[in-house]
Protein backbone atom coordinates (compact mmCIF):
# COMPACT_ATOMS: atom_id res chain seq x y z
CA MET A 1 0.00 0.00 0.00
CA GLU A 2 2.76 2.37 1.02
CA ALA A 3 4.61 1.47 -2.17
CA LEU A 4 1.50 2.28 -4.19
CA LEU A 5 1.07 5.65 -2.43
CA GLN A 6 4.70 6.53 -3.05
CA THR A 7 4.30 5.68 -6.74
CA GLN A 8 1.17 7.85 -6.97
CA GLN A 9 2.97 10.73 -5.21
CA LYS A 10 5.89 10.47 -7.67
CA GLN A 11 3.36 10.52 -10.55
CA ILE A 12 1.67 13.60 -9.01
CA LYS A 13 5.09 15.36 -8.77
CA ILE A 14 5.99 14.41 -12.32
CA GLN A 15 2.64 15.69 -13.74
CA PRO A 16 3.23 19.32 -12.74
CA ASN A 17 6.71 19.15 -14.26
CA LYS A 18 5.21 17.92 -17.52
CA ASN A 19 2.66 20.76 -17.41
CA ALA A 20 5.49 23.21 -16.77
CA ILE A 21 7.45 21.85 -19.71
CA THR A 22 4.38 22.11 -21.94
CA GLY A 23 3.83 25.71 -20.79
CA ASN A 24 7.48 26.52 -21.49
CA GLU A 25 7.23 25.00 -24.95
CA GLN A 26 4.14 27.12 -25.71
CA THR A 27 5.91 30.24 -24.46
CA LEU A 28 8.94 29.40 -26.58
CA ASN A 29 6.72 28.91 -29.62
CA LYS A 30 5.11 32.30 -28.97
CA LEU A 31 8.53 33.86 -28.68
CA ASN A 32 9.62 32.26 -31.94
CA LEU A 33 6.48 33.52 -33.67
CA SER A 34 7.08 36.97 -32.23
CA SER A 35 10.65 36.81 -33.43
CA ASP A 36 9.52 35.87 -36.93
CA LYS A 37 7.06 38.75 -36.95
CA THR A 38 9.80 41.07 -35.76
CA LYS A 39 12.07 39.87 -38.57
CA THR A 40 9.27 40.32 -41.12
CA ASN A 41 8.46 43.79 -39.81
CA SER A 42 12.14 44.61 -39.86
CA GLN A 43 12.40 43.52 -43.49
CA ILE A 44 9.28 45.52 -44.38
CA CYS A 45 10.65 48.57 -42.61
CA LYS A 46 13.97 48.13 -44.37
CA LYS A 47 12.24 47.82 -47.75
CA ASN A 48 10.05 50.82 -47.02
CA GLY A 49 13.12 52.72 -45.95
CA GLN A 50 14.90 51.88 -49.21
CA GLU A 51 11.85 52.92 -51.25
CA HIS A 52 11.58 56.12 -49.23
CA ASN A 53 15.24 56.90 -49.78
CA GLN A 54 14.86 56.26 -53.52
CA GLN A 55 11.83 58.54 -53.58
CA ILE A 56 13.81 61.23 -51.79
CA GLN A 57 16.61 60.87 -54.35
CA ASP A 58 14.14 61.04 -57.25
CA ASN A 59 12.48 64.11 -55.77
CA ALA A 60 15.88 65.70 -55.24
CA GLN A 61 16.86 65.08 -58.87
CA ARG A 62 13.51 66.41 -60.07
CA CYS A 63 13.89 69.51 -57.92
CA GLN A 64 17.41 69.99 -59.25
CA VAL A 65 16.14 69.88 -62.84
CA GLU A 66 13.33 72.32 -62.04
CA LEU A 67 15.75 74.60 -60.21
CA SER A 68 18.05 74.58 -63.22
CA ASN A 69 15.13 75.45 -65.52
CA LEU A 70 14.04 78.23 -63.19
CA GLN A 71 17.57 79.62 -63.04
CA ASN A 72 17.75 79.67 -66.85
CA ALA A 73 14.35 81.35 -67.03
CA PHE A 74 15.36 83.89 -64.40
CA GLU A 75 18.58 84.68 -66.26
CA LYS A 76 16.57 85.42 -69.41
CA TYR A 77 14.13 87.45 -67.33
CA SER A 78 17.01 89.51 -65.91
CA ILE A 79 18.46 90.11 -69.38
CA PHE A 80 15.15 91.32 -70.79
CA LYS A 81 14.38 93.37 -67.68
CA SER A 82 17.75 95.12 -67.84
CA ASN A 83 17.42 95.82 -71.58
CA ASN A 84 13.98 97.35 -71.33
CA SER A 85 12.17 99.33 -68.69
CA LYS A 86 8.75 98.02 -69.68
CA SER A 87 7.12 95.32 -67.61
CA ILE A 88 8.06 91.78 -68.57
CA LYS A 89 5.55 89.63 -70.42
CA GLN A 90 4.95 85.92 -70.22
CA SER A 91 6.14 85.38 -73.77
CA ASP A 92 9.51 86.95 -72.98
CA ILE A 93 10.67 83.74 -71.27
CA MET A 94 11.14 80.54 -73.22
CA VAL A 95 10.00 77.49 -71.22
CA ASP A 96 8.62 74.15 -72.25
CA GLU A 97 4.89 74.80 -72.62
CA SER A 98 4.13 71.17 -71.78
CA ASP A 99 5.48 71.70 -68.26
CA GLU A 100 2.48 73.45 -66.75
CA TYR A 101 3.95 73.41 -63.24
CA LEU A 102 7.09 75.17 -64.37
CA VAL A 103 5.14 77.74 -66.37
CA SER A 104 2.80 78.58 -63.48
CA PHE A 105 5.67 78.57 -60.97
CA VAL A 106 7.88 80.89 -63.01
CA PHE A 107 5.21 83.44 -63.77
CA SER A 108 3.69 83.40 -60.31
CA ARG A 109 7.13 84.51 -59.10
CA PHE A 110 7.02 87.39 -61.56
CA GLY A 111 3.52 88.46 -60.59
CA LEU A 112 1.79 86.95 -63.61
CA GLN A 113 -0.51 84.49 -61.93
CA ASN A 114 -3.21 82.48 -63.68
CA GLN A 115 -1.49 83.04 -67.03
CA THR A 116 -1.68 80.37 -69.68
CA ILE A 117 0.06 80.03 -72.99
CA PRO A 118 -2.26 81.48 -75.61
CA GLN A 119 -3.88 79.03 -77.98
CA ASN A 120 -5.23 79.74 -81.44
CA SER A 121 -8.84 80.84 -81.32
CA ASN A 122 -11.29 81.78 -84.00
CA THR A 123 -11.41 85.40 -82.86
CA LYS A 124 -14.01 87.64 -84.46
CA PHE A 125 -14.38 91.37 -83.88
CA ASP A 126 -16.29 94.34 -85.22
CA TYR A 127 -15.19 97.79 -84.03
CA SER A 128 -17.24 99.69 -86.62
CA ASN A 129 -19.56 101.09 -83.93
CA LEU A 130 -16.68 102.53 -81.89
CA LYS A 131 -15.67 106.15 -82.26
CA HIS A 132 -12.52 106.43 -84.35
CA GLN A 133 -9.33 107.62 -82.71
CA ASP A 134 -8.65 111.09 -84.12
CA SER A 135 -5.51 112.06 -82.21
CA ILE A 136 -2.97 111.54 -85.01
CA GLN A 137 -0.69 114.55 -84.59
CA LYS A 138 2.76 113.22 -85.51
CA SER A 139 2.92 113.72 -89.25
CA LYS A 140 6.72 113.92 -89.32
CA PRO A 141 9.23 111.12 -88.65
CA SER A 142 10.72 110.87 -85.17
CA GLN A 143 14.04 109.62 -86.57
CA VAL A 144 15.79 109.53 -89.93
CA PHE A 145 18.82 107.27 -90.44
CA ASN A 146 20.81 105.85 -93.32
CA LEU A 147 21.99 102.30 -92.68
CA THR A 148 22.40 100.75 -96.10
CA SER A 149 21.25 101.11 -99.67
CA PHE A 150 18.86 98.65 -101.25
CA LYS A 151 18.54 97.46 -104.78
CA GLU A 152 15.11 98.24 -106.15
CA ASP A 153 13.54 94.80 -105.77
CA LEU A 154 9.92 94.66 -104.66
CA SER A 155 10.00 90.86 -104.47
CA ILE A 156 11.91 90.91 -101.14
CA ASN A 157 11.13 92.21 -97.63
CA PRO A 158 14.47 93.24 -96.09
CA ILE A 159 13.38 95.35 -93.06
CA ASP A 160 11.42 94.85 -89.83
CA ILE A 161 10.90 96.56 -86.47
CA ASN A 162 10.73 95.19 -82.93
CA GLY A 163 8.92 97.76 -80.79
CA LEU A 164 9.51 96.15 -77.40
CA TYR A 165 13.30 96.03 -77.72
CA ASN A 166 13.54 99.25 -79.77
CA LEU A 167 15.21 97.55 -82.71
CA VAL A 168 15.15 97.97 -86.45
CA GLY A 169 16.43 95.00 -88.44
CA LEU A 170 17.73 95.11 -92.01
CA VAL A 171 19.30 92.48 -94.23
CA ASP A 172 21.75 93.43 -96.95
CA GLN A 173 23.68 90.98 -99.14
CA ASN A 174 25.43 88.72 -96.59
CA LYS A 175 24.94 90.66 -93.37
CA VAL A 176 22.24 91.59 -90.87
CA ILE A 177 22.13 95.12 -89.43
CA LEU A 178 20.44 95.70 -86.06
CA TYR A 179 19.83 99.38 -85.29
CA TYR A 180 19.16 100.28 -81.63
CA ILE A 181 16.67 103.15 -81.78
CA ASN A 182 17.27 104.67 -78.34
CA GLN A 183 21.08 104.49 -78.48
CA LYS A 184 21.18 105.36 -82.21
CA GLN A 185 23.77 102.64 -82.69
CA LYS A 186 23.98 99.73 -85.07
CA ASN A 187 25.40 96.23 -84.85
CA GLU A 188 26.28 94.10 -87.87
CA ILE A 189 26.12 90.30 -88.00
CA LYS A 190 28.17 88.74 -90.77
CA ILE A 191 26.59 85.72 -92.46
CA ASN A 192 29.16 83.32 -93.89
CA TYR A 193 27.97 81.69 -97.10
CA ASP A 194 29.66 78.98 -99.10
CA SER A 195 32.17 80.55 -101.48
CA ILE A 196 30.69 78.47 -104.31
CA LYS A 197 27.46 80.40 -103.92
CA SER A 198 28.95 83.87 -103.96
CA THR A 199 25.77 85.27 -105.49
CA THR A 200 23.67 84.35 -102.45
CA PHE A 201 22.05 87.32 -100.72
CA ASN A 202 19.61 87.86 -97.84
CA THR A 203 16.02 88.54 -98.79
CA CYS A 204 13.93 88.91 -95.63
CA ILE A 205 14.06 89.47 -91.85
CA LYS A 206 11.23 88.96 -89.38
CA PHE A 207 11.22 89.36 -85.59
CA SER A 208 9.17 86.81 -83.65
CA GLU A 209 5.62 87.61 -82.65
CA ASP A 210 4.79 88.26 -78.98
CA GLN A 211 8.27 89.64 -78.35
CA GLN A 212 10.16 86.37 -78.26
CA ASN A 213 13.94 86.68 -78.16
CA PHE A 214 14.73 85.53 -81.69
CA PHE A 215 14.35 86.51 -85.33
CA ALA A 216 14.50 84.72 -88.67
CA ILE A 217 16.20 85.62 -91.95
CA SER A 218 15.96 84.05 -95.41
CA ASP A 219 18.14 84.12 -98.50
CA SER A 220 18.06 83.76 -102.26
CA GLU A 221 19.00 80.06 -102.12
CA GLY A 222 15.97 79.06 -100.03
CA ALA A 223 17.55 78.96 -96.55
CA VAL A 224 15.62 80.09 -93.46
CA VAL A 225 17.83 80.65 -90.41
CA LEU A 226 16.77 81.31 -86.80
CA TYR A 227 18.87 83.67 -84.66
CA ASP A 228 19.04 84.41 -80.93
CA LEU A 229 18.36 88.11 -80.40
CA VAL A 230 20.16 88.24 -77.04
CA ASN A 231 23.42 86.48 -77.94
CA LEU A 232 23.22 87.28 -81.67
CA GLN A 233 24.04 83.69 -82.52
CA GLN A 234 22.53 81.24 -84.98
CA ILE A 235 20.11 78.79 -83.36
CA GLY A 236 19.28 76.56 -86.30
CA LEU A 237 18.61 76.13 -89.99
CA LEU A 238 14.85 75.76 -90.31
CA GLN A 239 14.66 75.12 -94.03
CA LYS A 240 16.92 74.73 -97.06
CA GLN A 241 15.18 74.71 -100.41
CA ASN A 242 16.59 75.39 -103.88
CA LYS A 243 14.56 78.51 -104.63
CA CYS A 244 14.45 82.00 -103.16
CA VAL A 245 12.41 82.64 -99.98
CA ARG A 246 10.88 86.10 -100.22
CA VAL A 247 8.35 86.25 -97.40
CA LEU A 248 8.50 85.43 -93.68
CA ASN A 249 5.61 85.87 -91.26
CA TRP A 250 5.01 84.47 -87.75
CA GLN A 251 1.76 82.61 -87.23
CA SER A 252 2.49 82.21 -83.51
CA PRO A 253 5.48 82.63 -81.17
CA PHE A 254 6.78 79.24 -82.35
CA VAL A 255 5.49 78.81 -85.91
CA LEU A 256 7.05 80.71 -88.82
CA THR A 257 5.50 80.84 -92.30
CA ALA A 258 7.94 80.96 -95.24
CA ALA A 259 7.18 81.35 -98.96
CA GLY A 260 8.75 82.46 -102.22
CA LYS A 261 9.49 80.93 -105.62
CA ASN A 262 8.98 77.29 -104.63
CA ASN A 263 5.21 77.10 -105.31
CA VAL A 264 4.82 75.94 -101.70
CA ILE A 265 4.10 77.85 -98.48
CA TYR A 266 5.68 76.22 -95.42
CA ASN A 267 4.77 76.41 -91.74
CA LEU A 268 7.96 75.84 -89.73
CA ASP A 269 7.54 74.84 -86.06
CA ILE A 270 10.78 75.67 -84.23
CA ARG A 271 9.88 73.32 -81.34
CA LYS A 272 10.04 70.19 -83.51
CA LYS A 273 13.02 68.25 -84.81
CA LYS A 274 11.50 68.23 -88.28
CA TYR A 275 10.66 71.89 -88.59
CA ILE A 276 8.19 71.67 -91.49
CA SER A 277 4.78 71.13 -89.88
CA GLN A 278 2.46 72.14 -92.76
CA GLU A 279 2.60 72.70 -96.51
CA PHE A 280 0.25 74.76 -98.68
CA LYS A 281 0.74 74.05 -102.38
CA LEU A 282 0.13 76.76 -104.96
CA SER A 283 -0.49 76.55 -108.69
CA GLN A 284 2.53 76.23 -110.96
CA ASN A 285 4.72 79.30 -111.54
CA ASN A 286 2.97 81.19 -108.76
CA GLU A 287 5.53 83.12 -106.71
CA VAL A 288 4.46 84.53 -103.34
CA LEU A 289 5.19 88.25 -102.90
CA SER A 290 3.29 88.96 -99.68
CA LEU A 291 1.56 87.09 -96.86
CA SER A 292 -0.50 88.13 -93.84
CA TRP A 293 -2.12 86.16 -90.98
CA ASN A 294 -5.55 87.03 -89.66
CA ILE A 295 -5.85 87.84 -85.97
CA ASN A 296 -7.47 84.43 -85.42
CA LYS A 297 -4.13 82.86 -86.45
CA GLN A 298 -5.98 80.22 -88.45
CA ASP A 299 -6.49 81.98 -91.78
CA PHE A 300 -3.98 83.84 -93.93
CA ILE A 301 -3.88 85.57 -97.28
CA SER A 302 -1.08 85.28 -99.84
CA SER A 303 -0.53 87.19 -103.06
CA GLY A 304 1.72 86.44 -106.00
CA ASN A 305 3.02 87.52 -109.34
CA ASN A 306 -0.05 86.45 -111.31
CA LYS A 307 -2.52 89.19 -110.29
CA GLU A 308 -4.30 86.94 -107.83
CA PHE A 309 -4.50 86.34 -104.09
CA THR A 310 -5.49 83.26 -102.12
CA ILE A 311 -7.12 82.77 -98.72
CA TRP A 312 -5.88 79.74 -96.79
CA SER A 313 -6.81 78.00 -93.55
CA SER A 314 -4.27 76.23 -91.37
CA LEU A 315 -6.98 73.61 -90.79
CA LYS A 316 -6.97 72.72 -94.52
CA GLN A 317 -3.50 72.38 -95.98
CA ASN A 318 -3.93 71.89 -99.70
CA THR A 319 -7.39 73.31 -100.23
CA PRO A 320 -7.62 77.12 -100.39
CA ILE A 321 -10.76 78.72 -98.98
CA PHE A 322 -10.98 80.76 -102.16
CA ILE A 323 -8.80 82.18 -104.95
CA GLN A 324 -9.43 85.61 -106.43
CA GLN A 325 -8.02 85.81 -109.94
CA ASN A 326 -7.42 89.06 -111.83
CA SER A 327 -8.11 90.99 -108.64
CA HIS A 328 -5.85 93.79 -109.92
CA LYS A 329 -4.35 94.79 -113.25
CA PHE A 330 -0.83 94.10 -111.98
CA ASN A 331 0.86 92.01 -109.27
CA VAL A 332 -0.34 92.43 -105.68
CA ARG A 333 2.46 93.09 -103.21
CA ALA A 334 0.56 95.16 -100.61
CA LEU A 335 -2.10 93.48 -98.46
CA SER A 336 -3.28 93.46 -94.86
CA TRP A 337 -6.22 92.36 -92.73
CA SER A 338 -8.50 95.10 -91.46
CA SER A 339 -8.30 96.18 -87.80
CA LEU A 340 -11.95 97.29 -87.92
CA LYS A 341 -13.60 94.00 -88.89
CA SER A 342 -12.00 90.57 -88.75
CA ASN A 343 -13.68 89.49 -92.00
CA HIS A 344 -12.30 92.43 -94.01
CA PHE A 345 -8.93 92.75 -95.74
CA ILE A 346 -7.30 95.31 -98.03
CA THR A 347 -5.17 94.83 -101.15
CA GLY A 348 -3.14 97.31 -103.17
CA GLY A 349 -2.24 97.07 -106.84
CA GLY A 350 1.30 97.47 -108.12
CA ASN A 351 2.87 99.20 -111.11
CA GLU A 352 0.23 101.19 -113.01
CA ASP A 353 -2.72 99.74 -111.11
CA GLY A 354 -2.60 101.88 -107.94
CA THR A 355 -6.00 100.71 -106.70
CA LEU A 356 -6.89 100.13 -103.05
CA LYS A 357 -9.56 97.47 -102.65
CA LEU A 358 -11.55 96.40 -99.59
CA TRP A 359 -12.76 92.79 -99.55
CA ASP A 360 -15.22 90.78 -97.46
CA TYR A 361 -13.75 87.42 -96.47
CA HIS A 362 -17.20 85.88 -95.87
CA THR A 363 -18.88 86.91 -99.10
CA GLN A 364 -15.61 86.72 -101.09
CA LYS A 365 -16.47 89.99 -102.84
CA ASN A 366 -14.83 93.36 -103.39
CA ILE A 367 -16.96 95.88 -101.44
CA TYR A 368 -15.05 99.12 -102.11
CA SER A 369 -12.31 100.42 -104.44
CA VAL A 370 -10.43 103.71 -104.66
CA GLN A 371 -7.73 104.87 -107.08
CA THR A 372 -4.49 106.26 -105.57
CA GLN A 373 -2.72 106.99 -108.87
CA ASN A 374 0.51 105.41 -107.53
CA GLN A 375 2.14 102.00 -107.29
CA ILE A 376 1.25 100.69 -103.80
CA THR A 377 4.21 98.97 -102.12
CA ASN A 378 3.02 98.37 -98.54
CA ILE A 379 -0.11 98.40 -96.38
CA LEU A 380 0.71 98.71 -92.66
CA THR A 381 -2.11 98.26 -90.13
CA PRO A 382 -1.88 99.24 -86.41
CA GLN A 383 -3.19 96.64 -83.97
CA ASN A 384 -3.70 98.44 -80.66
CA LYS A 385 -6.22 101.29 -80.63
CA PHE A 386 -6.46 103.01 -84.02
CA TYR A 387 -9.14 100.65 -85.31
CA GLY A 388 -9.83 101.04 -89.00
CA TYR A 389 -6.64 102.99 -89.74
CA PHE A 390 -3.87 101.82 -92.05
CA THR A 391 -0.85 103.32 -93.80
CA THR A 392 0.02 102.98 -97.47
CA THR A 393 3.43 103.56 -99.03
CA TYR A 394 4.10 104.27 -102.70
CA ASN A 395 6.87 103.95 -105.22
CA SER A 396 6.39 107.57 -106.25
CA GLN A 397 8.23 110.89 -106.23
CA SER A 398 5.65 112.79 -104.14
CA ASN A 399 3.47 111.94 -101.13
CA PRO A 400 4.96 108.45 -100.73
CA ILE A 401 3.25 107.80 -97.35
CA GLU A 402 -0.44 108.24 -96.56
CA ILE A 403 -2.77 107.35 -93.70
CA TRP A 404 -6.20 105.97 -94.55
CA ILE A 405 -9.24 104.98 -92.55
CA GLU A 406 -11.94 102.36 -93.12
CA GLN A 407 -15.23 104.01 -92.20
CA SER A 408 -18.10 102.07 -90.64
CA GLY A 409 -19.92 102.01 -93.96
CA SER A 410 -17.08 100.01 -95.57
CA ILE A 411 -15.65 103.11 -97.26
CA LEU A 412 -11.92 103.83 -97.53
CA GLN A 413 -11.06 107.48 -96.93
CA LYS A 414 -7.65 109.17 -97.02
CA LYS A 415 -6.92 110.83 -93.69
CA MET A 416 -3.58 112.61 -94.17
CA ASN A 417 -0.19 112.66 -95.86
CA LEU A 418 2.95 112.06 -93.80
CA VAL A 419 5.65 114.65 -94.39
CA THR A 420 8.94 113.18 -95.59
CA GLU A 421 11.75 114.01 -97.98
CA GLN A 422 11.91 110.38 -99.03
CA GLN A 423 11.02 109.27 -102.51
CA LYS A 424 9.97 105.87 -103.75
CA ILE A 425 9.21 104.01 -100.54
CA LEU A 426 9.92 100.35 -101.32
CA TYR A 427 9.84 98.62 -97.93
CA GLY A 428 7.88 99.12 -94.74
CA ALA A 429 7.04 97.40 -91.45
CA ILE A 430 4.97 98.10 -88.35
CA SER A 431 5.47 96.94 -84.76
CA LYS A 432 2.58 94.94 -83.34
CA PHE A 433 3.75 95.95 -79.85
CA ASP A 434 3.41 99.75 -80.08
CA ASP A 435 2.46 100.48 -83.74
CA ARG A 436 5.65 102.35 -84.59
CA MET A 437 6.40 102.18 -88.31
CA ILE A 438 9.51 102.22 -90.46
CA ALA A 439 9.75 103.02 -94.17
CA SER A 440 12.81 102.65 -96.41
CA SER A 441 13.56 104.02 -99.84
CA SER A 442 15.97 102.58 -102.39
CA ASN A 443 18.76 105.03 -101.44
CA GLY A 444 18.88 103.57 -97.93
CA ILE A 445 17.15 106.40 -96.06
CA THR A 446 14.91 104.87 -93.37
CA THR A 447 12.35 106.85 -91.35
CA LEU A 448 10.79 105.94 -88.01
CA TRP A 449 7.19 107.03 -87.46
CA GLU A 450 5.19 107.30 -84.23
CA SER A 451 1.93 108.48 -85.78
CA PHE A 452 -0.04 105.70 -84.06
CA ASN A 453 2.11 105.63 -80.91
């Protein structure tokens, strides 16, 4: 009996030890599980930490790129601000228009918030009910200067004016002359042509619209070259054809229209690797002498050496909106869109024609004509406040510059003669920024006018 009790007591003592061992094993298992979770969490934290560090590095690189872009933009801003006392405009700084953050960030720093890059719009206007501006008092030129002599060739357009930067640009043979109006100083840029083509000469110069910091020139061999206005260095060759380019005109700050003897009008987008973005094909042996974009920047008019003009739309490349044949007795060099009504434009006949004609774009009809008795070489239209006004220049010995007005009843009326000693005005240009005009005669005398300023 005692032996049995002792055996039972030993079993009772052993049972708690077994329970203790079992409890220890469970605790150990819990610790192992906890350790595994700790390792897993540690790995997750390590991975998250690596991803976070990579994100920080990516953000730092992105910020560095943006900072570099902002520094470049600010440098250009400082250059333009120091060169001109007028307030800076959004278009004065070249940034990638696809980077909306950068655009908004840059211009918010310069006080131009909520600004967007302008897009083409089918703008229509009619100012015929407004009272005409009658404060034209400056009938004499504000400056007269002699920079170079021109050969008498009405198929080229060798002068232009940039009102914001107070510059007059002229091309002559193989050089570009930039005349600084305020300082009354000039700067010459030599263009180096291939010696094999010693007969090559410049034909046209055009400053960019919206006061961008570049200009384009063209030559008799079909080249169109883009230049930096700040550094006076060549940026790129936009086009190289085999025939003379006679006309340059900016559709937008980044799209340049070029035309001449090639029977094709080209739109050249300077943002693209392949600059030619559109082509407008003309009839055979039709040379373009003049070209003008409507304010909507979708339609333009071109005139040539076959007494006709053509209205085009950038939305339809090879199909003209309409062609007006035998519009004048001789070639049409002078043309411009009206500043009174967006559907009106004016053409001027050359040689012995001398007729000013007002046309309606919608009805495609001539609605008024007046005889000037002189060969019309240019029609220059102000864009800012003198709605309905325009200036005509003539290849004549007397009264070579006149100011006209389009009355509300679609009547063209001569307003005044501008007093000048010049004779035979061949070339003219007007600034879209402040409506200052320049006019050049064949002997090289160039006059600056502030009649609309």
